[in-house]
Structure formats: C-alpha cells, structure tokens
PDB file of N, CA and C in Angstrom:
ATOM      1  N   UNK A   1      11.796 -15.646   5.966  1.00  0.00           N
ATOM      2  CA  UNK A   1      10.440 -15.831   6.403  1.00  0.00           C
ATOM      3  C   UNK A   1       9.570 -14.750   5.769  1.00  0.00           C
ATOM      4  N   UNK A   2       8.463 -15.148   5.222  1.00  0.00           N
ATOM      5  CA  UNK A   2       7.539 -14.202   4.617  1.00  0.00           C
ATOM      6  C   UNK A   2       6.647 -13.598   5.696  1.00  0.00           C
ATOM      7  N   UNK A   3       6.561 -12.290   5.678  1.00  0.00           N
ATOM      8  CA  UNK A   3       5.716 -11.590   6.647  1.00  0.00           C
ATOM      9  C   UNK A   3       4.465 -11.130   5.924  1.00  0.00           C
ATOM     10  N   UNK A   4       3.319 -11.426   6.496  1.00  0.00           N
ATOM     11  CA  UNK A   4       2.019 -11.049   5.937  1.00  0.00           C
ATOM     12  C   UNK A   4       1.774 -11.683   4.577  1.00  0.00           C
ATOM     13  N   UNK A   5       2.313 -12.859   4.356  1.00  0.00           N
ATOM     14  CA  UNK A   5       2.037 -13.529   3.088  1.00  0.00           C
ATOM     15  C   UNK A   5       0.612 -14.056   3.122  1.00  0.00           C
ATOM     16  N   UNK A   6      -0.039 -14.079   1.982  1.00  0.00           N
ATOM     17  CA  UNK A   6      -1.432 -14.506   1.919  1.00  0.00           C
ATOM     18  C   UNK A   6      -2.347 -13.495   2.564  1.00  0.00           C
ATOM     19  N   UNK A   7      -2.196 -12.234   2.203  1.00  0.00           N
ATOM     20  CA  UNK A   7      -2.945 -11.171   2.861  1.00  0.00           C
ATOM     21  C   UNK A   7      -4.438 -11.258   2.614  1.00  0.00           C
ATOM     22  N   UNK A   8      -4.846 -11.873   1.540  1.00  0.00           N
ATOM     23  CA  UNK A   8      -6.270 -11.936   1.259  1.00  0.00           C
ATOM     24  C   UNK A   8      -6.815 -10.562   0.946  1.00  0.00           C
ATOM     25  N   UNK A   9      -7.973 -10.242   1.502  1.00  0.00           N
ATOM     26  CA  UNK A   9      -8.600  -8.957   1.197  1.00  0.00           C
ATOM     27  C   UNK A   9      -8.444  -7.944   2.323  1.00  0.00           C
ATOM     28  N   UNK A  10      -7.678  -8.256   3.323  1.00  0.00           N
ATOM     29  CA  UNK A  10      -7.504  -7.332   4.432  1.00  0.00           C
ATOM     30  C   UNK A  10      -6.539  -6.221   4.044  1.00  0.00           C
ATOM     31  N   UNK A  11      -7.021  -5.006   3.995  1.00  0.00           N
ATOM     32  CA  UNK A  11      -6.209  -3.890   3.532  1.00  0.00           C
ATOM     33  C   UNK A  11      -5.152  -3.424   4.493  1.00  0.00           C
ATOM     34  N   UNK A  12      -5.327  -3.668   5.783  1.00  0.00           N
ATOM     35  CA  UNK A  12      -4.346  -3.183   6.749  1.00  0.00           C
ATOM     36  C   UNK A  12      -3.289  -4.219   7.106  1.00  0.00           C
ATOM     37  N   UNK A  13      -3.466  -5.448   6.672  1.00  0.00           N
ATOM     38  CA  UNK A  13      -2.486  -6.478   7.021  1.00  0.00           C
ATOM     39  C   UNK A  13      -1.133  -6.152   6.414  1.00  0.00           C
ATOM     40  N   UNK A  14      -1.118  -5.654   5.192  1.00  0.00           N
ATOM     41  CA  UNK A  14       0.161  -5.363   4.564  1.00  0.00           C
ATOM     42  C   UNK A  14       0.916  -4.258   5.285  1.00  0.00           C
ATOM     43  N   UNK A  15       0.237  -3.198   5.686  1.00  0.00           N
ATOM     44  CA  UNK A  15       0.904  -2.093   6.374  1.00  0.00           C
ATOM     45  C   UNK A  15       1.388  -2.508   7.758  1.00  0.00           C
ATOM     46  N   UNK A  16       0.545  -3.172   8.511  1.00  0.00           N
ATOM     47  CA  UNK A  16       0.952  -3.605   9.846  1.00  0.00           C
ATOM     48  C   UNK A  16       2.010  -4.696   9.753  1.00  0.00           C
ATOM     49  N   UNK A  17       1.949  -5.512   8.711  1.00  0.00           N
ATOM     50  CA  UNK A  17       2.960  -6.549   8.527  1.00  0.00           C
ATOM     51  C   UNK A  17       4.327  -5.968   8.227  1.00  0.00           C
ATOM     52  N   UNK A  18       4.364  -4.894   7.462  1.00  0.00           N
ATOM     53  CA  UNK A  18       5.635  -4.234   7.163  1.00  0.00           C
ATOM     54  C   UNK A  18       6.235  -3.650   8.433  1.00  0.00           C
ATOM     55  N   UNK A  19       5.424  -2.966   9.210  1.00  0.00           N
ATOM     56  CA  UNK A  19       5.924  -2.367  10.453  1.00  0.00           C
ATOM     57  C   UNK A  19       6.370  -3.452  11.423  1.00  0.00           C
ATOM     58  N   UNK A  20       5.617  -4.543  11.519  1.00  0.00           N
ATOM     59  CA  UNK A  20       6.016  -5.665  12.371  1.00  0.00           C
ATOM     60  C   UNK A  20       7.336  -6.251  11.887  1.00  0.00           C
ATOM     61  N   UNK A  21       7.490  -6.381  10.596  1.00  0.00           N
ATOM     62  CA  UNK A  21       8.735  -6.897  10.043  1.00  0.00           C
ATOM     63  C   UNK A  21       9.911  -5.989  10.346  1.00  0.00           C
ATOM     64  N   UNK A  22       9.683  -4.674  10.318  1.00  0.00           N
ATOM     65  CA  UNK A  22      10.751  -3.738  10.633  1.00  0.00           C
ATOM     66  C   UNK A  22      11.210  -3.887  12.075  1.00  0.00           C
ATOM     67  N   UNK A  23      10.297  -4.238  12.973  1.00  0.00           N
ATOM     68  CA  UNK A  23      10.684  -4.397  14.376  1.00  0.00           C
ATOM     69  C   UNK A  23      11.425  -5.699  14.621  1.00  0.00           C
ATOM     70  N   UNK A  24      11.356  -6.630  13.685  1.00  0.00           N
ATOM     71  CA  UNK A  24      12.005  -7.939  13.855  1.00  0.00           C
ATOM     72  C   UNK A  24      13.205  -8.112  12.924  1.00  0.00           C
ATOM     73  N   UNK A  25      13.792  -7.011  12.490  1.00  0.00           N
ATOM     74  CA  UNK A  25      14.924  -7.074  11.572  1.00  0.00           C
ATOM     75  C   UNK A  25      16.182  -7.521  12.300  1.00  0.00           C
ATOM     76  N   UNK A  26      17.132  -8.065  11.561  1.00  0.00           N
ATOM     77  CA  UNK A  26      18.398  -8.479  12.180  1.00  0.00           C
ATOM     78  C   UNK A  26      19.123  -7.295  12.806  1.00  0.00           C
ATOM     79  N   UNK A  27      20.021  -7.621  13.697  1.00  0.00           N
ATOM     80  CA  UNK A  27      20.777  -6.593  14.394  1.00  0.00           C
ATOM     81  C   UNK A  27      21.618  -5.791  13.398  1.00  0.00           C
ATOM     82  N   UNK A  28      21.662  -4.508  13.580  1.00  0.00           N
ATOM     83  CA  UNK A  28      22.438  -3.653  12.705  1.00  0.00           C
ATOM     84  C   UNK A  28      21.616  -2.967  11.630  1.00  0.00           C
ATOM     85  N   UNK A  29      20.375  -3.379  11.427  1.00  0.00           N
ATOM     86  CA  UNK A  29      19.523  -2.737  10.431  1.00  0.00           C
ATOM     87  C   UNK A  29      18.626  -1.732  11.129  1.00  0.00           C
ATOM     88  N   UNK A  30      18.580  -0.545  10.615  1.00  0.00           N
ATOM     89  CA  UNK A  30      17.686   0.464  11.173  1.00  0.00           C
ATOM     90  C   UNK A  30      16.735   0.945  10.081  1.00  0.00           C
ATOM     91  N   UNK A  31      15.521   1.190  10.476  1.00  0.00           N
ATOM     92  CA  UNK A  31      14.520   1.699   9.553  1.00  0.00           C
ATOM     93  C   UNK A  31      14.683   3.207   9.456  1.00  0.00           C
ATOM     94  N   UNK A  32      14.887   3.676   8.249  1.00  0.00           N
ATOM     95  CA  UNK A  32      15.120   5.102   8.059  1.00  0.00           C
ATOM     96  C   UNK A  32      13.954   5.791   7.382  1.00  0.00           C
ATOM     97  N   UNK A  33      14.155   7.048   7.099  1.00  0.00           N
ATOM     98  CA  UNK A  33      13.119   7.854   6.460  1.00  0.00           C
ATOM     99  C   UNK A  33      12.781   7.320   5.069  1.00  0.00           C
ATOM    100  N   UNK A  34      13.776   6.793   4.360  1.00  0.00           N
ATOM    101  CA  UNK A  34      13.541   6.256   3.023  1.00  0.00           C
ATOM    102  C   UNK A  34      12.539   5.096   3.069  1.00  0.00           C
ATOM    103  N   UNK A  35      12.634   4.256   4.099  1.00  0.00           N
ATOM    104  CA  UNK A  35      11.686   3.147   4.262  1.00  0.00           C
ATOM    105  C   UNK A  35      10.269   3.661   4.489  1.00  0.00           C
ATOM    106  N   UNK A  36      10.128   4.656   5.352  1.00  0.00           N
ATOM    107  CA  UNK A  36       8.804   5.220   5.643  1.00  0.00           C
ATOM    108  C   UNK A  36       8.209   5.918   4.429  1.00  0.00           C
ATOM    109  N   UNK A  37       9.027   6.657   3.700  1.00  0.00           N
ATOM    110  CA  UNK A  37       8.537   7.339   2.495  1.00  0.00           C
ATOM    111  C   UNK A  37       8.081   6.305   1.468  1.00  0.00           C
ATOM    112  N   UNK A  38       8.850   5.240   1.307  1.00  0.00           N
ATOM    113  CA  UNK A  38       8.468   4.177   0.373  1.00  0.00           C
ATOM    114  C   UNK A  38       7.155   3.530   0.761  1.00  0.00           C
ATOM    115  N   UNK A  39       6.964   3.258   2.044  1.00  0.00           N
ATOM    116  CA  UNK A  39       5.711   2.637   2.483  1.00  0.00           C
ATOM    117  C   UNK A  39       4.530   3.577   2.260  1.00  0.00           C
ATOM    118  N   UNK A  40       4.701   4.844   2.562  1.00  0.00           N
ATOM    119  CA  UNK A  40       3.611   5.809   2.366  1.00  0.00           C
ATOM    120  C   UNK A  40       3.264   5.922   0.884  1.00  0.00           C
ATOM    121  N   UNK A  41       4.282   5.968   0.026  1.00  0.00           N
ATOM    122  CA  UNK A  41       4.026   6.071  -1.412  1.00  0.00           C
ATOM    123  C   UNK A  41       3.308   4.836  -1.940  1.00  0.00           C
ATOM    124  N   UNK A  42       3.799   3.664  -1.597  1.00  0.00           N
ATOM    125  CA  UNK A  42       3.241   2.434  -2.152  1.00  0.00           C
ATOM    126  C   UNK A  42       1.878   2.086  -1.548  1.00  0.00           C
ATOM    127  N   UNK A  43       1.694   2.359  -0.266  1.00  0.00           N
ATOM    128  CA  UNK A  43       0.456   1.945   0.396  1.00  0.00           C
ATOM    129  C   UNK A  43      -0.658   2.987   0.336  1.00  0.00           C
ATOM    130  N   UNK A  44      -0.318   4.249   0.163  1.00  0.00           N
ATOM    131  CA  UNK A  44      -1.350   5.286   0.206  1.00  0.00           C
ATOM    132  C   UNK A  44      -1.404   6.136  -1.064  1.00  0.00           C
ATOM    133  N   UNK A  45      -0.284   6.702  -1.468  1.00  0.00           N
ATOM    134  CA  UNK A  45      -0.270   7.655  -2.590  1.00  0.00           C
ATOM    135  C   UNK A  45      -0.528   6.946  -3.917  1.00  0.00           C
ATOM    136  N   UNK A  46       0.160   5.837  -4.166  1.00  0.00           N
ATOM    137  CA  UNK A  46      -0.018   5.126  -5.429  1.00  0.00           C
ATOM    138  C   UNK A  46      -1.446   4.613  -5.613  1.00  0.00           C
ATOM    139  N   UNK A  47      -2.072   3.958  -4.612  1.00  0.00           N
ATOM    140  CA  UNK A  47      -3.470   3.556  -4.799  1.00  0.00           C
ATOM    141  C   UNK A  47      -4.409   4.740  -5.029  1.00  0.00           C
ATOM    142  N   UNK A  48      -4.151   5.862  -4.344  1.00  0.00           N
ATOM    143  CA  UNK A  48      -4.974   7.050  -4.552  1.00  0.00           C
ATOM    144  C   UNK A  48      -4.840   7.552  -5.981  1.00  0.00           C
ATOM    145  N   UNK A  49      -3.618   7.625  -6.491  1.00  0.00           N
ATOM    146  CA  UNK A  49      -3.388   8.129  -7.845  1.00  0.00           C
ATOM    147  C   UNK A  49      -3.987   7.199  -8.898  1.00  0.00           C
ATOM    148  N   UNK A  50      -3.848   5.897  -8.704  1.00  0.00           N
ATOM    149  CA  UNK A  50      -4.404   4.935  -9.660  1.00  0.00           C
ATOM    150  C   UNK A  50      -5.927   5.018  -9.669  1.00  0.00           C
ATOM    151  N   UNK A  51      -6.537   5.086  -8.494  1.00  0.00           N
ATOM    152  CA  UNK A  51      -7.996   5.174  -8.408  1.00  0.00           C
ATOM    153  C   UNK A  51      -8.503   6.453  -9.060  1.00  0.00           C
ATOM    154  N   UNK A  52      -7.821   7.564  -8.813  1.00  0.00           N
ATOM    155  CA  UNK A  52      -8.206   8.835  -9.413  1.00  0.00           C
ATOM    156  C   UNK A  52      -8.107   8.761 -10.937  1.00  0.00           C
ATOM    157  N   UNK A  53      -7.001   8.193 -11.444  1.00  0.00           N
ATOM    158  CA  UNK A  53      -6.806   8.107 -12.896  1.00  0.00           C
ATOM    159  C   UNK A  53      -7.860   7.217 -13.554  1.00  0.00           C
ATOM    160  N   UNK A  54      -8.164   6.098 -12.935  1.00  0.00           N
ATOM    161  CA  UNK A  54      -9.187   5.199 -13.483  1.00  0.00           C
ATOM    162  C   UNK A  54     -10.543   5.899 -13.482  1.00  0.00           C
ATOM    163  N   UNK A  55     -10.844   6.650 -12.431  1.00  0.00           N
ATOM    164  CA  UNK A  55     -12.097   7.399 -12.380  1.00  0.00           C
ATOM    165  C   UNK A  55     -12.183   8.433 -13.481  1.00  0.00           C
ATOM    166  N   UNK A  56     -11.069   9.115 -13.759  1.00  0.00           N
ATOM    167  CA  UNK A  56     -11.052  10.114 -14.830  1.00  0.00           C
ATOM    168  C   UNK A  56     -11.267   9.474 -16.202  1.00  0.00           C
ATOM    169  N   UNK A  57     -10.876   8.223 -16.356  1.00  0.00           N
ATOM    170  CA  UNK A  57     -11.051   7.531 -17.637  1.00  0.00           C
ATOM    171  C   UNK A  57     -12.468   6.986 -17.774  1.00  0.00           C
ATOM    172  N   UNK A  58     -12.971   6.339 -16.738  1.00  0.00           N
ATOM    173  CA  UNK A  58     -14.234   5.614 -16.837  1.00  0.00           C
ATOM    174  C   UNK A  58     -15.467   6.498 -16.707  1.00  0.00           C
ATOM    175  N   UNK A  59     -15.454   7.482 -15.818  1.00  0.00           N
ATOM    176  CA  UNK A  59     -16.654   8.281 -15.566  1.00  0.00           C
ATOM    177  C   UNK A  59     -17.071   9.103 -16.791  1.00  0.00           C
ATOM    178  N   UNK A  60     -16.174   9.812 -17.463  1.00  0.00           N
ATOM    179  CA  UNK A  60     -16.614  10.569 -18.647  1.00  0.00           C
ATOM    180  C   UNK A  60     -17.138   9.677 -19.777  1.00  0.00           C
ATOM    181  N   UNK A  61     -16.661   8.469 -19.865  1.00  0.00           N
ATOM    182  CA  UNK A  61     -17.121   7.554 -20.912  1.00  0.00           C
ATOM    183  C   UNK A  61     -18.350   6.770 -20.487  1.00  0.00           C
ATOM    184  N   UNK A  62     -18.870   7.099 -19.317  1.00  0.00           N
ATOM    185  CA  UNK A  62     -20.041   6.441 -18.739  1.00  0.00           C
ATOM    186  C   UNK A  62     -19.859   4.930 -18.627  1.00  0.00           C
ATOM    187  N   UNK A  63     -18.635   4.494 -18.350  1.00  0.00           N
ATOM    188  CA  UNK A  63     -18.358   3.089 -18.110  1.00  0.00           C
ATOM    189  C   UNK A  63     -18.533   2.728 -16.647  1.00  0.00           C
ATOM    190  N   UNK A  64     -18.730   3.750 -15.826  1.00  0.00           N
ATOM    191  CA  UNK A  64     -18.938   3.547 -14.409  1.00  0.00           C
ATOM    192  C   UNK A  64     -20.343   4.021 -14.055  1.00  0.00           C
ATOM    193  N   UNK A  65     -21.021   3.261 -13.244  1.00  0.00           N
ATOM    194  CA  UNK A  65     -22.379   3.648 -12.818  1.00  0.00           C
ATOM    195  C   UNK A  65     -22.313   4.301 -11.460  1.00  0.00           C
ATOM    196  N   UNK A  66     -22.715   5.519 -11.398  1.00  0.00           N
ATOM    197  CA  UNK A  66     -22.789   6.214 -10.110  1.00  0.00           C
ATOM    198  C   UNK A  66     -24.247   6.252  -9.702  1.00  0.00           C
ATOM    199  N   UNK A  67     -24.484   5.869  -8.497  1.00  0.00           N
ATOM    200  CA  UNK A  67     -25.875   5.828  -8.009  1.00  0.00           C
ATOM    201  C   UNK A  67     -26.081   6.827  -6.929  1.00  0.00           C
TER     202      UNK A  67
END
C-alpha cells in the first residue's frame, strides 16, 4: 500500500505520511535511529543544501530577481 502517494504541493504530507507509515509497520519491525536520520537528511537537510547551492549559482549571475 502506498502511503502519502499523490502528495501534490503539500510539504508536510510526506513527513507525516512517513511517520504514519512507521506506526503501521508489520510486527517485528522497529523504527531505529537510522530511519530518523534518513528522514531528517532527505526532508530537511538536502532541500536546504540544494536551495543554498542554487542561490549561490543564480544570485551572482543576476539570474534571480530579489525585490
């Protein structure tokens, strides 16, 4: 079963969907620190790093308009 499929533009559906999915896992599976670190990296750190890098590329070349 797909959890949070078709997220659309809602930014928190993916994070809450992952946590909801973790609570509905089959018996014998436990969510560990590796799962939490992966979610934090993919949902928060990676978007921050990508946005920062794109800003460093576009702003000096005046490809971005700041108002």
